[in-house]
Amino acid sequence: MKSTYKIIIGVIAGLLLVGVAHLNGFFPSSRDTHPPCDQLPTVAEATAALAGHQDLAEEIKALGDGIEVEVGKPCPNDQDRGLIMVSYGSKSERDAIADLLSRREGLGAPVHLVKR
C-alpha cells in the first residue's frame, strides 16, 4: 500500500476517534447556555425574581467559596434583557449548583451558569 493512502487512512481514523470521543463527553463542550435574548425577561423582572428567591440564592452561594448569584445582561444588543447569572469556579461547584437547582423550583427567571 502506498504511503499516501496510509496517511489518508490514518488521518480519517484519527478524525473518527476524536469525533467519537467528543460525542461521548471526553472533550467538554459548553453546556451552559441561555434562552435567546428575545425570550429573556427584562432586567427589572429578573431583579424582582432574584429578590423573591433570596433564600435559594443564599443556598447556592453557600455551595462554594466565590460563587456569585446576580442579575446579568447577556445580550450586548439588548441591555434591557436579563437573567440570573451564577458564576462558579470548579466542576464540583457547577455540579452542586445544578443538583440543587434540579431539586428546587428555581429562581423565577432563567438561570445561566458561568465558569469564572
N, C-alpha and C. Protein backbone atom coordinates (compact mmCIF):
# COMPACT_ATOMS: atom_id res chain seq x y z
N MET A 1 0.85 -1.17 0.00
CA MET A 1 0.00 0.00 0.00
C MET A 1 0.90 1.23 0.00
N LYS A 2 0.53 2.20 -0.81
CA LYS A 2 1.34 3.41 -0.91
C LYS A 2 1.26 4.19 0.40
N SER A 3 2.32 4.91 0.72
CA SER A 3 2.36 5.68 1.97
C SER A 3 1.32 6.79 1.97
N THR A 4 0.95 7.32 0.81
CA THR A 4 -0.07 8.37 0.74
C THR A 4 -1.41 7.84 1.25
N TYR A 5 -1.75 6.63 0.84
CA TYR A 5 -3.01 6.03 1.27
C TYR A 5 -2.99 5.75 2.78
N LYS A 6 -1.83 5.31 3.26
CA LYS A 6 -1.70 5.05 4.70
C LYS A 6 -1.92 6.34 5.49
N ILE A 7 -1.38 7.43 5.01
CA ILE A 7 -1.54 8.71 5.70
C ILE A 7 -3.00 9.13 5.68
N ILE A 8 -3.65 9.01 4.54
CA ILE A 8 -5.07 9.39 4.43
C ILE A 8 -5.92 8.54 5.35
N ILE A 9 -5.70 7.24 5.36
CA ILE A 9 -6.47 6.35 6.24
C ILE A 9 -6.19 6.69 7.70
N GLY A 10 -4.94 6.99 8.04
CA GLY A 10 -4.60 7.37 9.42
C GLY A 10 -5.29 8.66 9.84
N VAL A 11 -5.33 9.64 8.97
CA VAL A 11 -6.00 10.92 9.28
C VAL A 11 -7.50 10.70 9.48
N ILE A 12 -8.11 9.94 8.60
CA ILE A 12 -9.55 9.65 8.72
C ILE A 12 -9.84 8.91 10.01
N ALA A 13 -9.03 7.90 10.32
CA ALA A 13 -9.24 7.15 11.57
C ALA A 13 -9.08 8.06 12.78
N GLY A 14 -8.09 8.93 12.74
CA GLY A 14 -7.89 9.87 13.85
C GLY A 14 -9.07 10.81 14.02
N LEU A 15 -9.59 11.33 12.92
CA LEU A 15 -10.76 12.22 12.99
C LEU A 15 -11.97 11.48 13.53
N LEU A 16 -12.15 10.24 13.13
CA LEU A 16 -13.26 9.45 13.65
C LEU A 16 -13.14 9.23 15.15
N LEU A 17 -11.92 8.94 15.62
CA LEU A 17 -11.69 8.75 17.06
C LEU A 17 -11.99 10.02 17.85
N VAL A 18 -11.54 11.15 17.34
CA VAL A 18 -11.80 12.42 18.01
C VAL A 18 -13.30 12.71 18.03
N GLY A 19 -13.98 12.43 16.92
CA GLY A 19 -15.43 12.65 16.87
C GLY A 19 -16.17 11.79 17.86
N VAL A 20 -15.81 10.53 17.95
CA VAL A 20 -16.46 9.62 18.90
C VAL A 20 -16.16 10.06 20.33
N ALA A 21 -14.93 10.45 20.61
CA ALA A 21 -14.56 10.90 21.96
C ALA A 21 -15.36 12.15 22.33
N HIS A 22 -15.54 13.07 21.40
CA HIS A 22 -16.31 14.28 21.68
C HIS A 22 -17.76 13.95 21.97
N LEU A 23 -18.34 13.06 21.19
CA LEU A 23 -19.74 12.68 21.40
C LEU A 23 -19.93 11.97 22.74
N ASN A 24 -18.92 11.27 23.21
CA ASN A 24 -19.03 10.56 24.48
C ASN A 24 -18.63 11.42 25.67
N GLY A 25 -18.36 12.70 25.44
CA GLY A 25 -18.10 13.61 26.54
C GLY A 25 -16.67 13.70 27.00
N PHE A 26 -15.72 13.15 26.26
CA PHE A 26 -14.32 13.25 26.67
C PHE A 26 -13.79 14.66 26.52
N PHE A 27 -14.33 15.41 25.57
CA PHE A 27 -13.96 16.80 25.38
C PHE A 27 -15.18 17.63 25.72
N PRO A 28 -15.13 18.39 26.82
CA PRO A 28 -16.31 19.14 27.23
C PRO A 28 -16.68 20.21 26.22
N SER A 29 -17.95 20.35 26.01
CA SER A 29 -18.45 21.46 25.20
C SER A 29 -19.29 22.33 26.11
N SER A 30 -19.60 23.49 25.67
CA SER A 30 -20.36 24.41 26.52
C SER A 30 -21.78 23.90 26.70
N ARG A 31 -22.12 23.54 27.95
CA ARG A 31 -23.48 23.09 28.22
C ARG A 31 -24.28 24.21 28.86
N ASP A 32 -23.61 25.28 29.20
CA ASP A 32 -24.28 26.37 29.89
C ASP A 32 -24.70 27.44 28.89
N THR A 33 -25.91 27.33 28.45
CA THR A 33 -26.45 28.30 27.51
C THR A 33 -27.69 28.95 28.12
N HIS A 34 -28.14 29.99 27.49
CA HIS A 34 -29.36 30.65 27.96
C HIS A 34 -30.33 30.77 26.79
N PRO A 35 -31.61 31.02 27.10
CA PRO A 35 -32.58 31.18 26.02
C PRO A 35 -32.19 32.35 25.11
N PRO A 36 -32.75 32.38 23.91
CA PRO A 36 -32.48 33.52 23.02
C PRO A 36 -32.86 34.83 23.71
N CYS A 37 -32.14 35.88 23.35
CA CYS A 37 -32.33 37.17 24.01
C CYS A 37 -33.78 37.66 23.96
N ASP A 38 -34.46 37.43 22.86
CA ASP A 38 -35.84 37.92 22.76
C ASP A 38 -36.80 37.15 23.65
N GLN A 39 -36.35 36.05 24.26
CA GLN A 39 -37.19 35.28 25.17
C GLN A 39 -36.84 35.53 26.64
N LEU A 40 -35.83 36.32 26.91
CA LEU A 40 -35.44 36.60 28.29
C LEU A 40 -36.35 37.66 28.90
N PRO A 41 -36.51 37.62 30.23
CA PRO A 41 -37.27 38.67 30.89
C PRO A 41 -36.48 39.98 30.88
N THR A 42 -37.14 41.04 31.28
CA THR A 42 -36.43 42.31 31.41
C THR A 42 -35.51 42.24 32.62
N VAL A 43 -34.57 43.16 32.70
CA VAL A 43 -33.68 43.21 33.85
C VAL A 43 -34.49 43.44 35.13
N ALA A 44 -35.52 44.28 35.05
CA ALA A 44 -36.36 44.54 36.22
C ALA A 44 -37.07 43.27 36.67
N GLU A 45 -37.57 42.48 35.72
CA GLU A 45 -38.25 41.23 36.08
C GLU A 45 -37.27 40.22 36.69
N ALA A 46 -36.07 40.13 36.13
CA ALA A 46 -35.06 39.22 36.67
C ALA A 46 -34.63 39.66 38.07
N THR A 47 -34.50 40.98 38.27
CA THR A 47 -34.13 41.50 39.58
C THR A 47 -35.21 41.19 40.61
N ALA A 48 -36.46 41.36 40.23
CA ALA A 48 -37.58 41.05 41.14
C ALA A 48 -37.62 39.56 41.45
N ALA A 49 -37.36 38.72 40.45
CA ALA A 49 -37.36 37.27 40.67
C ALA A 49 -36.26 36.88 41.66
N LEU A 50 -35.07 37.45 41.48
CA LEU A 50 -33.97 37.14 42.39
C LEU A 50 -34.28 37.62 43.81
N ALA A 51 -34.86 38.80 43.92
CA ALA A 51 -35.22 39.33 45.25
C ALA A 51 -36.25 38.43 45.93
N GLY A 52 -37.12 37.84 45.16
CA GLY A 52 -38.14 36.96 45.73
C GLY A 52 -37.65 35.57 46.07
N HIS A 53 -36.43 35.25 45.69
CA HIS A 53 -35.87 33.93 45.94
C HIS A 53 -34.50 34.02 46.61
N GLN A 54 -34.34 34.99 47.50
CA GLN A 54 -33.05 35.19 48.16
C GLN A 54 -32.60 33.98 48.97
N ASP A 55 -33.55 33.23 49.53
CA ASP A 55 -33.17 32.06 50.32
C ASP A 55 -32.44 31.03 49.45
N LEU A 56 -32.95 30.78 48.26
CA LEU A 56 -32.29 29.84 47.36
C LEU A 56 -30.96 30.41 46.85
N ALA A 57 -30.92 31.70 46.58
CA ALA A 57 -29.68 32.33 46.14
C ALA A 57 -28.60 32.17 47.22
N GLU A 58 -28.98 32.32 48.48
CA GLU A 58 -28.00 32.15 49.56
C GLU A 58 -27.55 30.69 49.67
N GLU A 59 -28.47 29.75 49.45
CA GLU A 59 -28.08 28.34 49.47
C GLU A 59 -27.06 28.05 48.36
N ILE A 60 -27.28 28.63 47.20
CA ILE A 60 -26.36 28.44 46.08
C ILE A 60 -25.00 29.01 46.43
N LYS A 61 -24.96 30.22 46.98
CA LYS A 61 -23.69 30.85 47.36
C LYS A 61 -22.93 30.02 48.39
N ALA A 62 -23.66 29.35 49.26
CA ALA A 62 -23.05 28.56 50.32
C ALA A 62 -22.40 27.28 49.81
N LEU A 63 -22.63 26.93 48.55
CA LEU A 63 -22.08 25.70 48.00
C LEU A 63 -20.58 25.78 47.72
N GLY A 64 -20.02 26.98 47.71
CA GLY A 64 -18.58 27.11 47.46
C GLY A 64 -18.11 28.53 47.63
N ASP A 65 -16.82 28.66 47.90
CA ASP A 65 -16.23 29.99 48.05
C ASP A 65 -16.22 30.70 46.71
N GLY A 66 -16.68 31.91 46.69
CA GLY A 66 -16.63 32.71 45.48
C GLY A 66 -17.78 32.52 44.52
N ILE A 67 -18.74 31.66 44.85
CA ILE A 67 -19.91 31.52 43.98
C ILE A 67 -20.73 32.79 44.12
N GLU A 68 -21.11 33.36 42.98
CA GLU A 68 -21.89 34.59 42.98
C GLU A 68 -23.21 34.37 42.26
N VAL A 69 -24.26 35.01 42.78
CA VAL A 69 -25.58 34.96 42.16
C VAL A 69 -26.01 36.40 41.95
N GLU A 70 -26.23 36.77 40.70
CA GLU A 70 -26.58 38.15 40.39
C GLU A 70 -27.39 38.22 39.11
N VAL A 71 -27.97 39.37 38.86
CA VAL A 71 -28.67 39.57 37.60
C VAL A 71 -27.64 39.95 36.56
N GLY A 72 -27.67 39.25 35.44
CA GLY A 72 -26.73 39.51 34.36
C GLY A 72 -27.46 39.99 33.11
N LYS A 73 -26.71 40.65 32.25
CA LYS A 73 -27.22 41.14 30.97
C LYS A 73 -26.41 40.48 29.85
N PRO A 74 -26.83 39.31 29.40
CA PRO A 74 -26.02 38.57 28.43
C PRO A 74 -26.17 39.02 26.98
N CYS A 75 -27.06 39.96 26.73
CA CYS A 75 -27.35 40.34 25.34
C CYS A 75 -26.76 41.72 25.04
N PRO A 76 -25.63 41.77 24.34
CA PRO A 76 -24.99 43.06 24.07
C PRO A 76 -25.88 44.01 23.27
N ASN A 77 -26.76 43.48 22.46
CA ASN A 77 -27.62 44.34 21.63
C ASN A 77 -28.94 44.71 22.30
N ASP A 78 -29.21 44.16 23.48
CA ASP A 78 -30.45 44.47 24.19
C ASP A 78 -30.17 44.46 25.69
N GLN A 79 -29.68 45.57 26.20
CA GLN A 79 -29.27 45.66 27.60
C GLN A 79 -30.45 45.68 28.57
N ASP A 80 -31.69 45.66 28.06
CA ASP A 80 -32.85 45.60 28.94
C ASP A 80 -33.26 44.16 29.23
N ARG A 81 -32.61 43.18 28.61
CA ARG A 81 -32.92 41.77 28.84
C ARG A 81 -31.95 41.21 29.86
N GLY A 82 -32.48 40.43 30.80
CA GLY A 82 -31.61 39.90 31.84
C GLY A 82 -31.97 38.49 32.24
N LEU A 83 -31.14 37.94 33.07
CA LEU A 83 -31.34 36.62 33.65
C LEU A 83 -30.54 36.53 34.93
N ILE A 84 -30.68 35.44 35.61
CA ILE A 84 -29.93 35.25 36.84
C ILE A 84 -28.66 34.48 36.48
N MET A 85 -27.52 35.11 36.75
CA MET A 85 -26.24 34.54 36.40
C MET A 85 -25.56 34.02 37.67
N VAL A 86 -25.17 32.75 37.61
CA VAL A 86 -24.47 32.13 38.73
C VAL A 86 -23.06 31.81 38.24
N SER A 87 -22.06 32.45 38.86
CA SER A 87 -20.68 32.18 38.47
C SER A 87 -20.04 31.27 39.51
N TYR A 88 -19.24 30.34 39.02
CA TYR A 88 -18.62 29.32 39.86
C TYR A 88 -17.19 29.11 39.38
N GLY A 89 -16.41 28.39 40.19
CA GLY A 89 -15.01 28.23 39.84
C GLY A 89 -14.56 26.83 39.47
N SER A 90 -15.32 25.81 39.85
CA SER A 90 -14.86 24.45 39.58
C SER A 90 -16.01 23.57 39.10
N LYS A 91 -15.64 22.43 38.53
CA LYS A 91 -16.66 21.49 38.06
C LYS A 91 -17.50 20.98 39.22
N SER A 92 -16.87 20.73 40.36
CA SER A 92 -17.64 20.23 41.51
C SER A 92 -18.65 21.28 41.99
N GLU A 93 -18.28 22.56 41.94
CA GLU A 93 -19.24 23.62 42.29
C GLU A 93 -20.38 23.65 41.28
N ARG A 94 -20.05 23.53 39.99
CA ARG A 94 -21.09 23.53 38.96
C ARG A 94 -22.06 22.38 39.17
N ASP A 95 -21.51 21.20 39.45
CA ASP A 95 -22.34 20.02 39.67
C ASP A 95 -23.25 20.20 40.89
N ALA A 96 -22.71 20.78 41.96
CA ALA A 96 -23.50 21.00 43.17
C ALA A 96 -24.62 22.02 42.90
N ILE A 97 -24.32 23.07 42.14
CA ILE A 97 -25.33 24.09 41.79
C ILE A 97 -26.43 23.46 40.94
N ALA A 98 -26.02 22.71 39.92
CA ALA A 98 -27.01 22.07 39.04
C ALA A 98 -27.88 21.09 39.82
N ASP A 99 -27.27 20.34 40.73
CA ASP A 99 -28.04 19.39 41.54
C ASP A 99 -29.05 20.12 42.42
N LEU A 100 -28.63 21.19 43.07
CA LEU A 100 -29.55 21.95 43.93
C LEU A 100 -30.70 22.53 43.11
N LEU A 101 -30.38 23.12 41.98
CA LEU A 101 -31.43 23.71 41.15
C LEU A 101 -32.39 22.66 40.61
N SER A 102 -31.90 21.45 40.36
CA SER A 102 -32.78 20.39 39.85
C SER A 102 -33.77 19.91 40.90
N ARG A 103 -33.45 20.13 42.16
CA ARG A 103 -34.33 19.70 43.25
C ARG A 103 -35.25 20.80 43.76
N ARG A 104 -35.13 21.99 43.20
CA ARG A 104 -35.92 23.13 43.67
C ARG A 104 -36.74 23.71 42.53
N GLU A 105 -37.59 24.63 42.87
CA GLU A 105 -38.47 25.26 41.88
C GLU A 105 -37.75 26.25 40.99
N GLY A 106 -36.56 26.66 41.34
CA GLY A 106 -35.82 27.63 40.54
C GLY A 106 -35.84 29.00 41.17
N LEU A 107 -35.35 29.97 40.42
CA LEU A 107 -35.21 31.33 40.93
C LEU A 107 -36.22 32.30 40.33
N GLY A 108 -37.16 31.81 39.54
CA GLY A 108 -38.19 32.68 38.99
C GLY A 108 -37.82 33.35 37.69
N ALA A 109 -36.63 33.08 37.18
CA ALA A 109 -36.15 33.62 35.91
C ALA A 109 -35.11 32.64 35.39
N PRO A 110 -34.78 32.69 34.09
CA PRO A 110 -33.76 31.77 33.58
C PRO A 110 -32.44 31.94 34.33
N VAL A 111 -31.79 30.83 34.57
CA VAL A 111 -30.51 30.81 35.27
C VAL A 111 -29.43 30.41 34.27
N HIS A 112 -28.36 31.16 34.26
CA HIS A 112 -27.22 30.89 33.36
C HIS A 112 -26.00 30.65 34.23
N LEU A 113 -25.40 29.45 34.12
CA LEU A 113 -24.21 29.13 34.87
C LEU A 113 -22.98 29.54 34.07
N VAL A 114 -22.08 30.26 34.72
CA VAL A 114 -20.91 30.79 34.04
C VAL A 114 -19.66 30.45 34.85
N LYS A 115 -18.71 29.79 34.20
CA LYS A 115 -17.45 29.50 34.89
C LYS A 115 -16.56 30.74 34.87
N ARG A 116 -16.05 31.10 36.06
CA ARG A 116 -15.16 32.27 36.12
C ARG A 116 -13.77 31.90 35.73
